[in-house]
Amino acid sequence: MKMPILAAIASVLGLAPVLSPIGGLHAAELKVLAGGSLTSVLNELGPQFERASGHKLVIYFDSTPNLIKLATSGDPFDLGVVPADVFRDAAARARFAPGPTIDIAHVGYGVAVRAGAPKPDVGTPDAFKKTLLDAKSITFLPASAAGAYILKVFERLGIGEAMKAKTIVQTAPAQIPQAVARGDAELGIFVVNVLTAPGVELAGPFPAELQQELVFAAGIAADTREAAAAGAFIDYLTTPAAASVIKARGMNPG
């Protein structure tokens, strides 16, 4: 049986184990660093956890480069639910408690069009390449873990330079489907849960040969004073109820 993160972190940090992750804890205010693509998930699960636990969450959503800056700034925080790339940065990883992180959700990449528009063929690498080259404009968020992978796919297809001239850069995930819905960009390219939004339709996922999943993992800050409450929130994110919300928001739990 897998040890709950709360018990594991309590052991690492020398804290007394807490048998009930949610009940029996003093009310804490938790500063949470979170990936921007988790906004809809955590905006739903956060209030549920607050009602169940009595704790308060203050969540800072941002892209991977900015999350690394926040984690390494020296400003206090209690936990992160962030793209795994944040933990691959040595300086950022050092701000979290030692031991394994906990995978919370993962999601693949796709292409979206304006609702009602013809859906282009993205089923094979060649078809996907042609669709990208034929598009008048595309939009995504380059300054993010997802954006970095999309740029790698463009390079792999040999169209990196061609895509630069077509790209409308966004600064937050939610702006991608909004731009497509307004008609500002022909194609939105990002993780599929972000592209599941009003005014747009998913043309399809990346071809299997180019597909990869973006993993969001959770870890507790090394110097938090609220390790028990932070662990309780992470445990909550791995419950069946949380998994149902994650699935409903277009992601896969774990």
C-alpha atoms as a PDB file:
ATOM      1  CA  MET A   1       0.000   0.000   0.000  1.00  0.00           C
ATOM      2  CA  LYS A   2       1.416   3.406  -0.962  1.00  0.00           C
ATOM      3  CA  MET A   3       2.252   5.634   2.001  1.00  0.00           C
ATOM      4  CA  PRO A   4       0.319   8.914   1.835  1.00  0.00           C
ATOM      5  CA  ILE A   5       2.520  11.904   1.058  1.00  0.00           C
ATOM      6  CA  LEU A   6       1.595  13.444   4.404  1.00  0.00           C
ATOM      7  CA  ALA A   7       3.053  10.532   6.348  1.00  0.00           C
ATOM      8  CA  ALA A   8       6.129  10.335   4.109  1.00  0.00           C
ATOM      9  CA  ILE A   9       6.920  14.041   4.418  1.00  0.00           C
ATOM     10  CA  ALA A  10       6.277  13.972   8.149  1.00  0.00           C
ATOM     11  CA  SER A  11       8.897  11.241   8.415  1.00  0.00           C
ATOM     12  CA  VAL A  12      11.443  13.122   6.270  1.00  0.00           C
ATOM     13  CA  LEU A  13      10.974  16.378   8.166  1.00  0.00           C
ATOM     14  CA  GLY A  14      10.897  14.710  11.569  1.00  0.00           C
ATOM     15  CA  LEU A  15       7.262  15.539  12.265  1.00  0.00           C
ATOM     16  CA  ALA A  16       4.804  13.422  14.177  1.00  0.00           C
ATOM     17  CA  PRO A  17       2.687  11.424  11.731  1.00  0.00           C
ATOM     18  CA  VAL A  18      -0.884  12.561  11.260  1.00  0.00           C
ATOM     19  CA  LEU A  19      -3.365   9.737  10.815  1.00  0.00           C
ATOM     20  CA  SER A  20      -6.122  11.905   9.348  1.00  0.00           C
ATOM     21  CA  PRO A  21      -4.729  14.080   6.534  1.00  0.00           C
ATOM     22  CA  ILE A  22      -7.675  16.489   6.577  1.00  0.00           C
ATOM     23  CA  GLY A  23      -9.276  16.334   9.986  1.00  0.00           C
ATOM     24  CA  GLY A  24      -7.526  17.327  13.190  1.00  0.00           C
ATOM     25  CA  LEU A  25      -5.098  19.915  11.805  1.00  0.00           C
ATOM     26  CA  HIS A  26      -4.985  23.569  12.802  1.00  0.00           C
ATOM     27  CA  ALA A  27      -6.231  25.907  10.094  1.00  0.00           C
ATOM     28  CA  ALA A  28      -3.346  26.971   7.867  1.00  0.00           C
ATOM     29  CA  GLU A  29      -2.924  29.340   4.943  1.00  0.00           C
ATOM     30  CA  LEU A  30      -0.974  27.582   2.211  1.00  0.00           C
ATOM     31  CA  LYS A  31       0.917  29.392  -0.525  1.00  0.00           C
ATOM     32  CA  VAL A  32       0.797  27.108  -3.563  1.00  0.00           C
ATOM     33  CA  LEU A  33       2.841  27.421  -6.765  1.00  0.00           C
ATOM     34  CA  ALA A  34       0.921  25.865  -9.660  1.00  0.00           C
ATOM     35  CA  GLY A  35       1.198  25.333 -13.389  1.00  0.00           C
ATOM     36  CA  GLY A  36      -1.048  27.609 -15.410  1.00  0.00           C
ATOM     37  CA  SER A  37      -2.591  24.670 -17.257  1.00  0.00           C
ATOM     38  CA  LEU A  38      -3.966  23.418 -13.931  1.00  0.00           C
ATOM     39  CA  THR A  39      -6.034  26.559 -13.388  1.00  0.00           C
ATOM     40  CA  SER A  40      -9.450  25.020 -14.031  1.00  0.00           C
ATOM     41  CA  VAL A  41      -8.617  21.873 -12.041  1.00  0.00           C
ATOM     42  CA  LEU A  42      -7.329  23.649  -8.945  1.00  0.00           C
ATOM     43  CA  ASN A  43      -9.980  26.355  -9.088  1.00  0.00           C
ATOM     44  CA  GLU A  44     -12.501  23.548  -8.638  1.00  0.00           C
ATOM     45  CA  LEU A  45     -10.591  21.306  -6.232  1.00  0.00           C
ATOM     46  CA  GLY A  46      -9.166  24.117  -4.114  1.00  0.00           C
ATOM     47  CA  PRO A  47     -12.476  25.304  -2.638  1.00  0.00           C
ATOM     48  CA  GLN A  48     -13.515  21.690  -2.044  1.00  0.00           C
ATOM     49  CA  PHE A  49     -10.356  21.093  -0.024  1.00  0.00           C
ATOM     50  CA  GLU A  50     -10.822  24.349   1.884  1.00  0.00           C
ATOM     51  CA  ARG A  51     -14.350  23.371   2.905  1.00  0.00           C
ATOM     52  CA  ALA A  52     -13.273  19.872   3.924  1.00  0.00           C
ATOM     53  CA  SER A  53     -10.140  20.892   5.826  1.00  0.00           C
ATOM     54  CA  GLY A  54     -10.612  24.432   7.105  1.00  0.00           C
ATOM     55  CA  HIS A  55      -7.314  25.425   5.470  1.00  0.00           C
ATOM     56  CA  LYS A  56      -6.999  28.340   3.054  1.00  0.00           C
ATOM     57  CA  LEU A  57      -5.180  28.126  -0.275  1.00  0.00           C
ATOM     58  CA  VAL A  58      -3.461  31.041  -1.984  1.00  0.00           C
ATOM     59  CA  ILE A  59      -2.558  29.722  -5.435  1.00  0.00           C
ATOM     60  CA  TYR A  60      -0.088  31.396  -7.793  1.00  0.00           C
ATOM     61  CA  PHE A  61      -0.539  30.098 -11.353  1.00  0.00           C
ATOM     62  CA  ASP A  62       2.286  30.646 -13.824  1.00  0.00           C
ATOM     63  CA  SER A  63       4.441  29.152 -16.577  1.00  0.00           C
ATOM     64  CA  THR A  64       7.428  26.896 -15.928  1.00  0.00           C
ATOM     65  CA  PRO A  65      10.142  29.583 -16.301  1.00  0.00           C
ATOM     66  CA  ASN A  66       8.301  31.900 -13.926  1.00  0.00           C
ATOM     67  CA  LEU A  67       7.563  29.097 -11.461  1.00  0.00           C
ATOM     68  CA  ILE A  68      11.281  28.337 -11.323  1.00  0.00           C
ATOM     69  CA  LYS A  69      11.944  32.023 -10.643  1.00  0.00           C
ATOM     70  CA  LEU A  70       9.310  32.064  -7.900  1.00  0.00           C
ATOM     71  CA  ALA A  71      10.646  28.885  -6.309  1.00  0.00           C
ATOM     72  CA  THR A  72      14.225  30.178  -6.278  1.00  0.00           C
ATOM     73  CA  SER A  73      13.454  33.787  -5.341  1.00  0.00           C
ATOM     74  CA  GLY A  74      13.756  33.137  -1.628  1.00  0.00           C
ATOM     75  CA  ASP A  75      10.138  34.113  -1.022  1.00  0.00           C
ATOM     76  CA  PRO A  76       8.309  31.594   1.168  1.00  0.00           C
ATOM     77  CA  PHE A  77       5.863  29.053  -0.222  1.00  0.00           C
ATOM     78  CA  ASP A  78       4.431  25.820   1.114  1.00  0.00           C
ATOM     79  CA  LEU A  79       4.080  23.481  -1.845  1.00  0.00           C
ATOM     80  CA  GLY A  80       4.094  23.258  -5.601  1.00  0.00           C
ATOM     81  CA  VAL A  81       1.826  21.469  -8.065  1.00  0.00           C
ATOM     82  CA  VAL A  82       3.883  22.183 -11.130  1.00  0.00           C
ATOM     83  CA  PRO A  83       5.181  20.791 -14.423  1.00  0.00           C
ATOM     84  CA  ALA A  84       7.829  18.154 -13.767  1.00  0.00           C
ATOM     85  CA  ASP A  85      10.364  20.399 -15.529  1.00  0.00           C
ATOM     86  CA  VAL A  86      10.350  22.644 -12.452  1.00  0.00           C
ATOM     87  CA  PHE A  87      11.747  19.773 -10.381  1.00  0.00           C
ATOM     88  CA  ARG A  88      14.410  19.111 -13.024  1.00  0.00           C
ATOM     89  CA  ASP A  89      15.892  22.534 -12.322  1.00  0.00           C
ATOM     90  CA  ALA A  90      18.501  21.930  -9.610  1.00  0.00           C
ATOM     91  CA  ALA A  91      18.032  25.270  -7.863  1.00  0.00           C
ATOM     92  CA  ALA A  92      14.252  24.911  -7.808  1.00  0.00           C
ATOM     93  CA  ARG A  93      14.429  21.277  -6.666  1.00  0.00           C
ATOM     94  CA  ALA A  94      16.575  22.332  -3.724  1.00  0.00           C
ATOM     95  CA  ARG A  95      13.686  24.445  -2.415  1.00  0.00           C
ATOM     96  CA  PHE A  96      11.545  21.329  -1.989  1.00  0.00           C
ATOM     97  CA  ALA A  97      11.759  18.598   0.633  1.00  0.00           C
ATOM     98  CA  PRO A  98      13.931  15.616  -0.343  1.00  0.00           C
ATOM     99  CA  GLY A  99      12.293  12.454  -1.553  1.00  0.00           C
ATOM    100  CA  PRO A 100      10.047  11.612  -4.486  1.00  0.00           C
ATOM    101  CA  THR A 101       7.456  13.986  -5.848  1.00  0.00           C
ATOM    102  CA  ILE A 102       3.877  12.842  -6.430  1.00  0.00           C
ATOM    103  CA  ASP A 103       2.404  12.813  -9.939  1.00  0.00           C
ATOM    104  CA  ILE A 104      -0.994  14.518  -9.891  1.00  0.00           C
ATOM    105  CA  ALA A 105      -2.024  14.749 -13.549  1.00  0.00           C
ATOM    106  CA  HIS A 106      -0.743  14.316 -17.077  1.00  0.00           C
ATOM    107  CA  VAL A 107      -2.030  15.461 -20.434  1.00  0.00           C
ATOM    108  CA  GLY A 108      -1.093  15.258 -24.105  1.00  0.00           C
ATOM    109  CA  TYR A 109      -0.899  17.873 -26.842  1.00  0.00           C
ATOM    110  CA  GLY A 110      -3.415  18.807 -29.501  1.00  0.00           C
ATOM    111  CA  VAL A 111      -4.639  21.323 -32.051  1.00  0.00           C
ATOM    112  CA  ALA A 112      -7.803  23.425 -31.827  1.00  0.00           C
ATOM    113  CA  VAL A 113      -9.791  25.451 -34.352  1.00  0.00           C
ATOM    114  CA  ARG A 114     -12.573  27.989 -34.031  1.00  0.00           C
ATOM    115  CA  ALA A 115     -15.928  26.337 -33.340  1.00  0.00           C
ATOM    116  CA  GLY A 116     -17.612  25.452 -36.625  1.00  0.00           C
ATOM    117  CA  ALA A 117     -14.450  25.750 -38.714  1.00  0.00           C
ATOM    118  CA  PRO A 118     -13.270  22.785 -40.816  1.00  0.00           C
ATOM    119  CA  LYS A 119     -11.017  20.477 -38.829  1.00  0.00           C
ATOM    120  CA  PRO A 120      -7.658  19.936 -40.513  1.00  0.00           C
ATOM    121  CA  ASP A 121      -5.913  16.585 -40.709  1.00  0.00           C
ATOM    122  CA  VAL A 122      -3.391  16.146 -37.894  1.00  0.00           C
ATOM    123  CA  GLY A 123      -3.446  12.352 -37.793  1.00  0.00           C
ATOM    124  CA  THR A 124       0.046  11.668 -39.146  1.00  0.00           C
ATOM    125  CA  PRO A 125       3.329  13.595 -38.971  1.00  0.00           C
ATOM    126  CA  ASP A 126       3.143  14.454 -42.681  1.00  0.00           C
ATOM    127  CA  ALA A 127      -0.480  15.592 -42.438  1.00  0.00           C
ATOM    128  CA  PHE A 128       0.278  17.580 -39.293  1.00  0.00           C
ATOM    129  CA  LYS A 129       3.231  19.268 -40.984  1.00  0.00           C
ATOM    130  CA  LYS A 130       1.114  20.208 -44.004  1.00  0.00           C
ATOM    131  CA  THR A 131      -1.637  21.579 -41.750  1.00  0.00           C
ATOM    132  CA  LEU A 132       0.859  23.761 -39.905  1.00  0.00           C
ATOM    133  CA  LEU A 133       2.443  25.050 -43.107  1.00  0.00           C
ATOM    134  CA  ASP A 134      -0.962  25.765 -44.664  1.00  0.00           C
ATOM    135  CA  ALA A 135      -2.246  27.659 -41.625  1.00  0.00           C
ATOM    136  CA  LYS A 136      -2.251  31.439 -41.874  1.00  0.00           C
ATOM    137  CA  SER A 137      -1.508  31.761 -38.156  1.00  0.00           C
ATOM    138  CA  ILE A 138      -1.008  29.680 -35.031  1.00  0.00           C
ATOM    139  CA  THR A 139      -0.965  30.582 -31.367  1.00  0.00           C
ATOM    140  CA  PHE A 140       0.577  29.032 -28.263  1.00  0.00           C
ATOM    141  CA  LEU A 141       2.618  29.930 -25.185  1.00  0.00           C
ATOM    142  CA  PRO A 142       6.314  29.460 -26.021  1.00  0.00           C
ATOM    143  CA  ALA A 143       7.561  30.466 -22.555  1.00  0.00           C
ATOM    144  CA  SER A 144       6.275  27.325 -20.846  1.00  0.00           C
ATOM    145  CA  ALA A 145       7.110  23.638 -20.546  1.00  0.00           C
ATOM    146  CA  ALA A 146       4.388  22.852 -23.086  1.00  0.00           C
ATOM    147  CA  GLY A 147       5.609  25.597 -25.403  1.00  0.00           C
ATOM    148  CA  ALA A 148       9.168  24.301 -25.248  1.00  0.00           C
ATOM    149  CA  TYR A 149       7.978  20.887 -26.384  1.00  0.00           C
ATOM    150  CA  ILE A 150       5.899  22.383 -29.208  1.00  0.00           C
ATOM    151  CA  LEU A 151       8.983  24.217 -30.462  1.00  0.00           C
ATOM    152  CA  LYS A 152      10.893  20.918 -30.422  1.00  0.00           C
ATOM    153  CA  VAL A 153       8.148  19.323 -32.519  1.00  0.00           C
ATOM    154  CA  PHE A 154       8.410  22.140 -35.062  1.00  0.00           C
ATOM    155  CA  GLU A 155      12.157  21.582 -35.276  1.00  0.00           C
ATOM    156  CA  ARG A 156      11.675  17.836 -35.597  1.00  0.00           C
ATOM    157  CA  LEU A 157       9.328  18.455 -38.530  1.00  0.00           C
ATOM    158  CA  GLY A 158      11.854  20.837 -40.082  1.00  0.00           C
ATOM    159  CA  ILE A 159       9.519  23.846 -39.946  1.00  0.00           C
ATOM    160  CA  GLY A 160      10.886  25.798 -36.998  1.00  0.00           C
ATOM    161  CA  GLU A 161      11.705  28.919 -39.007  1.00  0.00           C
ATOM    162  CA  ALA A 162       8.471  28.803 -40.998  1.00  0.00           C
ATOM    163  CA  MET A 163       6.412  28.698 -37.805  1.00  0.00           C
ATOM    164  CA  LYS A 164       8.064  31.778 -36.307  1.00  0.00           C
ATOM    165  CA  ALA A 165       6.412  34.054 -38.848  1.00  0.00           C
ATOM    166  CA  LYS A 166       2.988  32.480 -38.231  1.00  0.00           C
ATOM    167  CA  THR A 167       3.081  32.458 -34.436  1.00  0.00           C
ATOM    168  CA  ILE A 168       0.996  34.757 -32.269  1.00  0.00           C
ATOM    169  CA  VAL A 169       2.632  34.545 -28.857  1.00  0.00           C
ATOM    170  CA  GLN A 170       0.442  34.323 -25.761  1.00  0.00           C
ATOM    171  CA  THR A 171       1.467  34.915 -22.160  1.00  0.00           C
ATOM    172  CA  ALA A 172      -1.077  32.692 -20.387  1.00  0.00           C
ATOM    173  CA  PRO A 173      -2.679  29.364 -21.352  1.00  0.00           C
ATOM    174  CA  ALA A 174      -6.260  30.668 -21.327  1.00  0.00           C
ATOM    175  CA  GLN A 175      -5.359  33.250 -23.975  1.00  0.00           C
ATOM    176  CA  ILE A 176      -4.746  30.494 -26.549  1.00  0.00           C
ATOM    177  CA  PRO A 177      -8.349  29.288 -27.015  1.00  0.00           C
ATOM    178  CA  GLN A 178      -9.603  32.846 -26.599  1.00  0.00           C
ATOM    179  CA  ALA A 179      -7.482  34.008 -29.543  1.00  0.00           C
ATOM    180  CA  VAL A 180      -8.735  31.135 -31.697  1.00  0.00           C
ATOM    181  CA  ALA A 181     -12.362  31.746 -30.694  1.00  0.00           C
ATOM    182  CA  ARG A 182     -12.060  35.417 -31.693  1.00  0.00           C
ATOM    183  CA  GLY A 183     -10.541  34.494 -35.038  1.00  0.00           C
ATOM    184  CA  ASP A 184      -7.216  36.134 -34.212  1.00  0.00           C
ATOM    185  CA  ALA A 185      -5.406  32.847 -34.901  1.00  0.00           C
ATOM    186  CA  GLU A 186      -6.362  29.936 -37.129  1.00  0.00           C
ATOM    187  CA  LEU A 187      -4.905  27.169 -34.960  1.00  0.00           C
ATOM    188  CA  GLY A 188      -4.337  26.874 -31.236  1.00  0.00           C
ATOM    189  CA  ILE A 189      -1.620  24.431 -30.207  1.00  0.00           C
ATOM    190  CA  PHE A 190      -1.130  23.358 -26.616  1.00  0.00           C
ATOM    191  CA  VAL A 191      -2.065  20.693 -24.071  1.00  0.00           C
ATOM    192  CA  VAL A 192      -5.554  19.439 -24.826  1.00  0.00           C
ATOM    193  CA  ASN A 193      -7.215  20.391 -21.543  1.00  0.00           C
ATOM    194  CA  VAL A 194      -6.448  24.066 -22.210  1.00  0.00           C
ATOM    195  CA  LEU A 195      -7.923  23.719 -25.704  1.00  0.00           C
ATOM    196  CA  THR A 196     -11.190  22.370 -24.290  1.00  0.00           C
ATOM    197  CA  ALA A 197     -12.823  25.771 -23.974  1.00  0.00           C
ATOM    198  CA  PRO A 198     -15.815  27.772 -25.215  1.00  0.00           C
ATOM    199  CA  GLY A 199     -15.633  28.903 -28.818  1.00  0.00           C
ATOM    200  CA  VAL A 200     -13.099  26.319 -29.973  1.00  0.00           C
ATOM    201  CA  GLU A 201     -13.108  22.664 -30.984  1.00  0.00           C
ATOM    202  CA  LEU A 202     -10.328  20.124 -30.811  1.00  0.00           C
ATOM    203  CA  ALA A 203      -9.169  19.177 -34.299  1.00  0.00           C
ATOM    204  CA  GLY A 204      -7.269  16.277 -32.795  1.00  0.00           C
ATOM    205  CA  PRO A 205      -4.288  15.241 -30.704  1.00  0.00           C
ATOM    206  CA  PHE A 206      -0.737  15.287 -31.989  1.00  0.00           C
ATOM    207  CA  PRO A 207       0.133  12.229 -34.094  1.00  0.00           C
ATOM    208  CA  ALA A 208       1.281   9.304 -31.973  1.00  0.00           C
ATOM    209  CA  GLU A 209       4.836   9.633 -33.295  1.00  0.00           C
ATOM    210  CA  LEU A 210       5.008  13.210 -31.983  1.00  0.00           C
ATOM    211  CA  GLN A 211       2.866  12.889 -28.886  1.00  0.00           C
ATOM    212  CA  GLN A 212       4.216  13.366 -25.392  1.00  0.00           C
ATOM    213  CA  GLU A 213       2.511  13.952 -22.078  1.00  0.00           C
ATOM    214  CA  LEU A 214       3.119  16.922 -19.820  1.00  0.00           C
ATOM    215  CA  VAL A 215       3.279  15.702 -16.219  1.00  0.00           C
ATOM    216  CA  PHE A 216       2.286  17.827 -13.238  1.00  0.00           C
ATOM    217  CA  ALA A 217       3.837  16.753  -9.949  1.00  0.00           C
ATOM    218  CA  ALA A 218       3.517  17.929  -6.361  1.00  0.00           C
ATOM    219  CA  GLY A 219       6.127  18.533  -3.700  1.00  0.00           C
ATOM    220  CA  ILE A 220       6.296  20.228  -0.311  1.00  0.00           C
ATOM    221  CA  ALA A 221       8.632  23.160   0.279  1.00  0.00           C
ATOM    222  CA  ALA A 222      11.684  22.259   2.343  1.00  0.00           C
ATOM    223  CA  ASP A 223      11.259  25.180   4.736  1.00  0.00           C
ATOM    224  CA  THR A 224       7.479  25.288   5.083  1.00  0.00           C
ATOM    225  CA  ARG A 225       6.024  25.555   8.555  1.00  0.00           C
ATOM    226  CA  GLU A 226       2.832  23.907   7.307  1.00  0.00           C
ATOM    227  CA  ALA A 227       4.121  20.538   6.080  1.00  0.00           C
ATOM    228  CA  ALA A 228       1.178  18.623   7.541  1.00  0.00           C
ATOM    229  CA  ALA A 229      -1.434  20.825   5.869  1.00  0.00           C
ATOM    230  CA  ALA A 230       0.530  20.892   2.604  1.00  0.00           C
ATOM    231  CA  GLY A 231       0.737  17.104   2.657  1.00  0.00           C
ATOM    232  CA  ALA A 232      -2.982  16.886   3.320  1.00  0.00           C
ATOM    233  CA  PHE A 233      -3.680  18.946   0.194  1.00  0.00           C
ATOM    234  CA  ILE A 234      -1.431  16.729  -1.919  1.00  0.00           C
ATOM    235  CA  ASP A 235      -3.160  13.641  -0.538  1.00  0.00           C
ATOM    236  CA  TYR A 236      -6.495  15.255  -1.415  1.00  0.00           C
ATOM    237  CA  LEU A 237      -5.346  15.710  -5.018  1.00  0.00           C
ATOM    238  CA  THR A 238      -4.818  11.941  -5.288  1.00  0.00           C
ATOM    239  CA  THR A 239      -8.290  10.939  -4.052  1.00  0.00           C
ATOM    240  CA  PRO A 240     -10.924   9.370  -6.339  1.00  0.00           C
ATOM    241  CA  ALA A 241     -13.003  12.548  -6.057  1.00  0.00           C
ATOM    242  CA  ALA A 242     -10.084  14.640  -7.295  1.00  0.00           C
ATOM    243  CA  ALA A 243      -9.402  12.142 -10.079  1.00  0.00           C
ATOM    244  CA  SER A 244     -12.969  12.620 -11.311  1.00  0.00           C
ATOM    245  CA  VAL A 245     -12.464  16.381 -11.537  1.00  0.00           C
ATOM    246  CA  ILE A 246      -9.108  15.975 -13.279  1.00  0.00           C
ATOM    247  CA  LYS A 247     -10.711  13.693 -15.882  1.00  0.00           C
ATOM    248  CA  ALA A 248     -13.661  16.039 -16.359  1.00  0.00           C
ATOM    249  CA  ARG A 249     -11.209  18.861 -17.076  1.00  0.00           C
ATOM    250  CA  GLY A 250      -9.561  16.936 -19.907  1.00  0.00           C
ATOM    251  CA  MET A 251      -6.547  15.532 -18.061  1.00  0.00           C
ATOM    252  CA  ASN A 252      -5.512  12.119 -16.780  1.00  0.00           C
ATOM    253  CA  PRO A 253      -4.975  11.631 -13.042  1.00  0.00           C
ATOM    254  CA  GLY A 254      -1.694  10.406 -11.636  1.00  0.00           C
END
